C-alpha atoms as a PDB file:
ATOM      1  CA  UNK A   1      -8.882  15.287  -1.686  1.00  0.00           C
ATOM      2  CA  UNK A   2      -6.141  14.263  -4.399  1.00  0.00           C
ATOM      3  CA  UNK A   3      -4.935  17.352  -6.141  1.00  0.00           C
ATOM      4  CA  UNK A   4      -5.231  16.481 -10.289  1.00  0.00           C
ATOM      5  CA  UNK A   5      -5.124  19.076 -12.571  1.00  0.00           C
ATOM      6  CA  UNK A   6      -3.483  17.729 -15.801  1.00  0.00           C
ATOM      7  CA  UNK A   7      -1.358  14.952 -16.221  1.00  0.00           C
ATOM      8  CA  UNK A   8       1.884  16.864 -16.236  1.00  0.00           C
ATOM      9  CA  UNK A   9       1.004  19.077 -13.206  1.00  0.00           C
ATOM     10  CA  UNK A  10       1.381  22.288 -15.418  1.00  0.00           C
ATOM     11  CA  UNK A  11      -1.663  24.157 -13.705  1.00  0.00           C
ATOM     12  CA  UNK A  12      -0.466  25.791 -10.883  1.00  0.00           C
ATOM     13  CA  UNK A  13      -2.926  25.677  -7.586  1.00  0.00           C
ATOM     14  CA  UNK A  14      -4.085  29.114  -6.451  1.00  0.00           C
ATOM     15  CA  UNK A  15      -3.506  30.438  -2.936  1.00  0.00           C
ATOM     16  CA  UNK A  16      -6.006  32.739  -1.811  1.00  0.00           C
ATOM     17  CA  UNK A  17      -4.873  36.215  -0.464  1.00  0.00           C
ATOM     18  CA  UNK A  18      -6.242  36.757   3.020  1.00  0.00           C
ATOM     19  CA  UNK A  19      -6.190  33.585   4.670  1.00  0.00           C
ATOM     20  CA  UNK A  20      -3.082  31.869   2.867  1.00  0.00           C
ATOM     21  CA  UNK A  21      -4.667  28.674   2.290  1.00  0.00           C
ATOM     22  CA  UNK A  22      -4.723  26.727  -0.935  1.00  0.00           C
ATOM     23  CA  UNK A  23      -8.207  26.444  -2.274  1.00  0.00           C
ATOM     24  CA  UNK A  24      -9.610  22.895  -2.558  1.00  0.00           C
ATOM     25  CA  UNK A  25      -7.033  21.219  -0.353  1.00  0.00           C
ATOM     26  CA  UNK A  26      -7.402  19.653   3.390  1.00  0.00           C
ATOM     27  CA  UNK A  27      -6.550  21.976   5.862  1.00  0.00           C
ATOM     28  CA  UNK A  28      -5.221  20.533   9.214  1.00  0.00           C
ATOM     29  CA  UNK A  29      -4.329  23.584  11.405  1.00  0.00           C
ATOM     30  CA  UNK A  30      -0.991  23.053  13.329  1.00  0.00           C
ATOM     31  CA  UNK A  31      -0.116  25.388  16.321  1.00  0.00           C
ATOM     32  CA  UNK A  32       3.464  25.019  15.422  1.00  0.00           C
ATOM     33  CA  UNK A  33       3.886  28.338  13.746  1.00  0.00           C
ATOM     34  CA  UNK A  34       3.918  31.940  14.408  1.00  0.00           C
ATOM     35  CA  UNK A  35       4.151  35.242  12.373  1.00  0.00           C
ATOM     36  CA  UNK A  36       7.013  35.878  10.273  1.00  0.00           C
ATOM     37  CA  UNK A  37       9.445  38.845  10.946  1.00  0.00           C
ATOM     38  CA  UNK A  38       8.936  42.242   9.159  1.00  0.00           C
ATOM     39  CA  UNK A  39      10.184  42.076   5.790  1.00  0.00           C
ATOM     40  CA  UNK A  40       9.363  40.925   2.187  1.00  0.00           C
ATOM     41  CA  UNK A  41       7.199  37.900   1.793  1.00  0.00           C
ATOM     42  CA  UNK A  42       9.038  34.016   1.817  1.00  0.00           C
ATOM     43  CA  UNK A  43      11.128  33.802  -1.083  1.00  0.00           C
ATOM     44  CA  UNK A  44      12.532  30.350  -0.481  1.00  0.00           C
ATOM     45  CA  UNK A  45      10.640  26.881  -0.687  1.00  0.00           C
ATOM     46  CA  UNK A  46      12.296  24.156   1.254  1.00  0.00           C
ATOM     47  CA  UNK A  47      11.632  20.526   0.179  1.00  0.00           C
ATOM     48  CA  UNK A  48      11.847  18.067   3.060  1.00  0.00           C
ATOM     49  CA  UNK A  49      10.923  14.246   3.142  1.00  0.00           C
ATOM     50  CA  UNK A  50       9.179  12.467   6.155  1.00  0.00           C
ATOM     51  CA  UNK A  51       7.470   9.087   6.991  1.00  0.00           C
ATOM     52  CA  UNK A  52       6.456   8.060  10.372  1.00  0.00           C
ATOM     53  CA  UNK A  53       7.689   5.606  11.557  1.00  0.00           C
ATOM     54  CA  UNK A  54      10.672   5.678   9.001  1.00  0.00           C
ATOM     55  CA  UNK A  55      10.191   4.347   5.633  1.00  0.00           C
ATOM     56  CA  UNK A  56       6.392   3.307   6.135  1.00  0.00           C
ATOM     57  CA  UNK A  57       3.597   5.424   4.410  1.00  0.00           C
ATOM     58  CA  UNK A  58      -0.029   6.188   4.902  1.00  0.00           C
ATOM     59  CA  UNK A  59      -1.682   6.495   8.250  1.00  0.00           C
ATOM     60  CA  UNK A  60      -1.877   9.542  10.325  1.00  0.00           C
ATOM     61  CA  UNK A  61       1.114   9.855  12.092  1.00  0.00           C
ATOM     62  CA  UNK A  62       2.669  12.930  10.108  1.00  0.00           C
ATOM     63  CA  UNK A  63      -0.430  14.784  11.127  1.00  0.00           C
ATOM     64  CA  UNK A  64      -0.600  13.622  14.667  1.00  0.00           C
ATOM     65  CA  UNK A  65       3.163  14.960  14.872  1.00  0.00           C
ATOM     66  CA  UNK A  66       2.457  18.430  13.198  1.00  0.00           C
ATOM     67  CA  UNK A  67      -0.692  18.907  15.697  1.00  0.00           C
ATOM     68  CA  UNK A  68       1.331  17.653  18.635  1.00  0.00           C
ATOM     69  CA  UNK A  69      -1.145  14.692  19.190  1.00  0.00           C
ATOM     70  CA  UNK A  70       1.214  11.754  18.346  1.00  0.00           C
ATOM     71  CA  UNK A  71       0.793   8.960  20.622  1.00  0.00           C
ATOM     72  CA  UNK A  72       4.201   7.734  22.049  1.00  0.00           C
ATOM     73  CA  UNK A  73       3.056   4.195  22.799  1.00  0.00           C
ATOM     74  CA  UNK A  74       1.816   3.905  19.173  1.00  0.00           C
ATOM     75  CA  UNK A  75       5.232   3.103  17.762  1.00  0.00           C
ATOM     76  CA  UNK A  76       8.745   2.650  19.562  1.00  0.00           C
ATOM     77  CA  UNK A  77      10.187   5.514  17.223  1.00  0.00           C
ATOM     78  CA  UNK A  78       7.196   7.796  18.392  1.00  0.00           C
ATOM     79  CA  UNK A  79       8.643   7.767  21.751  1.00  0.00           C
ATOM     80  CA  UNK A  80      11.596   9.782  20.922  1.00  0.00           C
ATOM     81  CA  UNK A  81       9.869  12.339  18.597  1.00  0.00           C
ATOM     82  CA  UNK A  82       6.332  12.935  20.388  1.00  0.00           C
ATOM     83  CA  UNK A  83       7.375  16.160  22.164  1.00  0.00           C
ATOM     84  CA  UNK A  84       8.766  17.729  19.092  1.00  0.00           C
ATOM     85  CA  UNK A  85       6.895  20.941  17.920  1.00  0.00           C
ATOM     86  CA  UNK A  86       7.477  21.065  14.257  1.00  0.00           C
ATOM     87  CA  UNK A  87       5.337  21.926  11.240  1.00  0.00           C
ATOM     88  CA  UNK A  88       5.500  22.423   7.724  1.00  0.00           C
ATOM     89  CA  UNK A  89       3.244  24.695   5.543  1.00  0.00           C
ATOM     90  CA  UNK A  90       2.363  21.318   3.280  1.00  0.00           C
ATOM     91  CA  UNK A  91       2.518  17.834   3.068  1.00  0.00           C
ATOM     92  CA  UNK A  92       2.174  15.574  -0.025  1.00  0.00           C
ATOM     93  CA  UNK A  93       1.088  12.164   0.181  1.00  0.00           C
ATOM     94  CA  UNK A  94       2.652   9.182  -2.138  1.00  0.00           C
ATOM     95  CA  UNK A  95      -0.690   9.610  -4.144  1.00  0.00           C
ATOM     96  CA  UNK A  96      -0.335  13.423  -4.437  1.00  0.00           C
ATOM     97  CA  UNK A  97      -2.993  14.446  -2.063  1.00  0.00           C
ATOM     98  CA  UNK A  98      -1.942  18.050  -0.526  1.00  0.00           C
ATOM     99  CA  UNK A  99      -2.348  18.642   2.756  1.00  0.00           C
ATOM    100  CA  UNK A 100      -1.897  22.159   4.406  1.00  0.00           C
ATOM    101  CA  UNK A 101      -0.959  22.747   7.796  1.00  0.00           C
ATOM    102  CA  UNK A 102      -0.054  26.436   8.328  1.00  0.00           C
ATOM    103  CA  UNK A 103      -1.103  29.361   6.078  1.00  0.00           C
ATOM    104  CA  UNK A 104       1.390  30.588   3.862  1.00  0.00           C
ATOM    105  CA  UNK A 105       1.623  34.046   5.957  1.00  0.00           C
ATOM    106  CA  UNK A 106       2.683  32.231   9.182  1.00  0.00           C
ATOM    107  CA  UNK A 107       5.895  31.044   9.831  1.00  0.00           C
ATOM    108  CA  UNK A 108       5.977  27.205  10.120  1.00  0.00           C
ATOM    109  CA  UNK A 109       8.569  25.398  12.248  1.00  0.00           C
ATOM    110  CA  UNK A 110      10.214  23.220   9.744  1.00  0.00           C
ATOM    111  CA  UNK A 111      13.931  24.338   9.125  1.00  0.00           C
ATOM    112  CA  UNK A 112      15.624  24.332  12.558  1.00  0.00           C
ATOM    113  CA  UNK A 113      18.847  25.737  12.598  1.00  0.00           C
ATOM    114  CA  UNK A 114      19.474  26.344   8.929  1.00  0.00           C
ATOM    115  CA  UNK A 115      21.159  29.156   6.391  1.00  0.00           C
ATOM    116  CA  UNK A 116      20.945  29.830   2.815  1.00  0.00           C
ATOM    117  CA  UNK A 117      23.237  32.266   1.045  1.00  0.00           C
ATOM    118  CA  UNK A 118      24.453  33.475   4.000  1.00  0.00           C
ATOM    119  CA  UNK A 119      21.268  34.245   5.784  1.00  0.00           C
ATOM    120  CA  UNK A 120      20.572  32.665   9.090  1.00  0.00           C
ATOM    121  CA  UNK A 121      17.345  31.137  10.276  1.00  0.00           C
ATOM    122  CA  UNK A 122      15.337  29.924   7.129  1.00  0.00           C
ATOM    123  CA  UNK A 123      12.016  29.289   8.829  1.00  0.00           C
ATOM    124  CA  UNK A 124      12.007  33.451   8.775  1.00  0.00           C
ATOM    125  CA  UNK A 125      11.996  33.701   5.232  1.00  0.00           C
ATOM    126  CA  UNK A 126      10.986  30.429   3.526  1.00  0.00           C
ATOM    127  CA  UNK A 127       7.824  27.990   3.035  1.00  0.00           C
ATOM    128  CA  UNK A 128       8.015  24.260   3.958  1.00  0.00           C
ATOM    129  CA  UNK A 129       6.627  21.274   2.189  1.00  0.00           C
ATOM    130  CA  UNK A 130       7.079  17.724   3.216  1.00  0.00           C
ATOM    131  CA  UNK A 131       6.830  14.709   0.513  1.00  0.00           C
ATOM    132  CA  UNK A 132       5.851  11.449   2.016  1.00  0.00           C
ATOM    133  CA  UNK A 133       9.245   9.422   1.448  1.00  0.00           C
ATOM    134  CA  UNK A 134      12.541   8.494   2.776  1.00  0.00           C
ATOM    135  CA  UNK A 135      15.970   9.104   1.484  1.00  0.00           C
ATOM    136  CA  UNK A 136      16.178   5.197   0.334  1.00  0.00           C
ATOM    137  CA  UNK A 137      13.466   5.177  -2.139  1.00  0.00           C
ATOM    138  CA  UNK A 138      12.037   7.193  -5.179  1.00  0.00           C
ATOM    139  CA  UNK A 139       9.050   9.807  -4.914  1.00  0.00           C
ATOM    140  CA  UNK A 140       5.909   9.126  -7.044  1.00  0.00           C
ATOM    141  CA  UNK A 141       4.833  10.785 -10.369  1.00  0.00           C
ATOM    142  CA  UNK A 142       1.673  11.984  -8.518  1.00  0.00           C
ATOM    143  CA  UNK A 143       4.080  13.827  -5.647  1.00  0.00           C
ATOM    144  CA  UNK A 144       5.751  15.501  -8.433  1.00  0.00           C
ATOM    145  CA  UNK A 145       2.868  16.738 -10.284  1.00  0.00           C
ATOM    146  CA  UNK A 146       1.346  18.200  -7.049  1.00  0.00           C
ATOM    147  CA  UNK A 147       4.794  19.890  -5.902  1.00  0.00           C
ATOM    148  CA  UNK A 148       5.072  21.244  -9.225  1.00  0.00           C
ATOM    149  CA  UNK A 149       1.610  22.801  -9.215  1.00  0.00           C
ATOM    150  CA  UNK A 150       2.265  23.815  -5.811  1.00  0.00           C
ATOM    151  CA  UNK A 151       5.253  25.800  -6.524  1.00  0.00           C
ATOM    152  CA  UNK A 152       3.585  27.255  -9.481  1.00  0.00           C
ATOM    153  CA  UNK A 153       0.918  28.726  -7.577  1.00  0.00           C
ATOM    154  CA  UNK A 154       2.964  30.077  -4.654  1.00  0.00           C
ATOM    155  CA  UNK A 155       5.650  31.560  -7.308  1.00  0.00           C
ATOM    156  CA  UNK A 156       2.626  33.817  -8.415  1.00  0.00           C
ATOM    157  CA  UNK A 157       3.152  35.731  -5.347  1.00  0.00           C
ATOM    158  CA  UNK A 158       6.966  36.281  -6.157  1.00  0.00           C
ATOM    159  CA  UNK A 159      10.069  34.800  -7.096  1.00  0.00           C
ATOM    160  CA  UNK A 160      10.774  31.619  -5.183  1.00  0.00           C
ATOM    161  CA  UNK A 161      14.074  29.716  -4.849  1.00  0.00           C
ATOM    162  CA  UNK A 162      14.054  25.919  -4.246  1.00  0.00           C
ATOM    163  CA  UNK A 163      16.231  24.194  -1.926  1.00  0.00           C
ATOM    164  CA  UNK A 164      16.391  20.840   0.019  1.00  0.00           C
ATOM    165  CA  UNK A 165      16.540  20.564   3.950  1.00  0.00           C
ATOM    166  CA  UNK A 166      19.927  19.314   3.119  1.00  0.00           C
ATOM    167  CA  UNK A 167      20.842  22.715   1.431  1.00  0.00           C
ATOM    168  CA  UNK A 168      19.874  24.669   4.336  1.00  0.00           C
ATOM    169  CA  UNK A 169      21.250  22.444   6.973  1.00  0.00           C
ATOM    170  CA  UNK A 170      24.232  20.339   5.709  1.00  0.00           C
ATOM    171  CA  UNK A 171      25.902  17.950   7.798  1.00  0.00           C
ATOM    172  CA  UNK A 172      22.518  18.064   9.803  1.00  0.00           C
ATOM    173  CA  UNK A 173      19.969  17.275   7.573  1.00  0.00           C
ATOM    174  CA  UNK A 174      19.986  14.937   4.462  1.00  0.00           C
ATOM    175  CA  UNK A 175      16.300  15.372   2.889  1.00  0.00           C
ATOM    176  CA  UNK A 176      14.895  15.098   0.557  1.00  0.00           C
ATOM    177  CA  UNK A 177      17.565  12.962  -0.004  1.00  0.00           C
ATOM    178  CA  UNK A 178      19.337  11.035  -3.384  1.00  0.00           C
ATOM    179  CA  UNK A 179      16.347  10.062  -4.804  1.00  0.00           C
ATOM    180  CA  UNK A 180      14.745  13.413  -4.999  1.00  0.00           C
ATOM    181  CA  UNK A 181      14.649  14.450  -8.994  1.00  0.00           C
ATOM    182  CA  UNK A 182      15.747  18.231  -8.877  1.00  0.00           C
ATOM    183  CA  UNK A 183      16.156  18.197 -12.713  1.00  0.00           C
ATOM    184  CA  UNK A 184      12.425  16.910 -13.093  1.00  0.00           C
ATOM    185  CA  UNK A 185      11.241  19.363 -10.474  1.00  0.00           C
ATOM    186  CA  UNK A 186      12.977  22.305 -12.432  1.00  0.00           C
ATOM    187  CA  UNK A 187      11.683  21.200 -15.941  1.00  0.00           C
ATOM    188  CA  UNK A 188       7.818  20.753 -14.729  1.00  0.00           C
ATOM    189  CA  UNK A 189       8.527  24.537 -13.381  1.00  0.00           C
ATOM    190  CA  UNK A 190       9.739  25.808 -16.642  1.00  0.00           C
ATOM    191  CA  UNK A 191       7.211  23.897 -19.029  1.00  0.00           C
END
């Protein structure tokens, strides 16, 4: 299902309480998650980019990676990554489709070695959203609309800071990359 609610993405997605799933989006459960440590709910949304193989879009390789079913023989690049145990809470395809892999009440394995504002281990206090893309191309209008709607919906549970993977793991990660328009995201959240 492609999420479309207004041309500007101004209407937030609703996150139900008990199951932590966004209503009306496809849920593909990832085993690569666990419980958050005790404490306040996640207050950081980490924006990533991913495409598998790199810089190629479409297909089910990201879903297969996040569900531990990626075929190492399907592409030479997959041979090096198929054994990774990673996930994100959300994935936004180029056409704006939102796919959820981990309920918001569970800890997804998206950040790796990371820190934010002096606090180590960002998986412990963040939600992860992957945009289908790479560091070398702009993201689509549909992706920004869905990301804005998602962030608005998630922020209904409490304040939500925004950071890129490169912000929480500088020198190790570069995503969402130089083509990600942070000012567009912030304007959309303010509007």
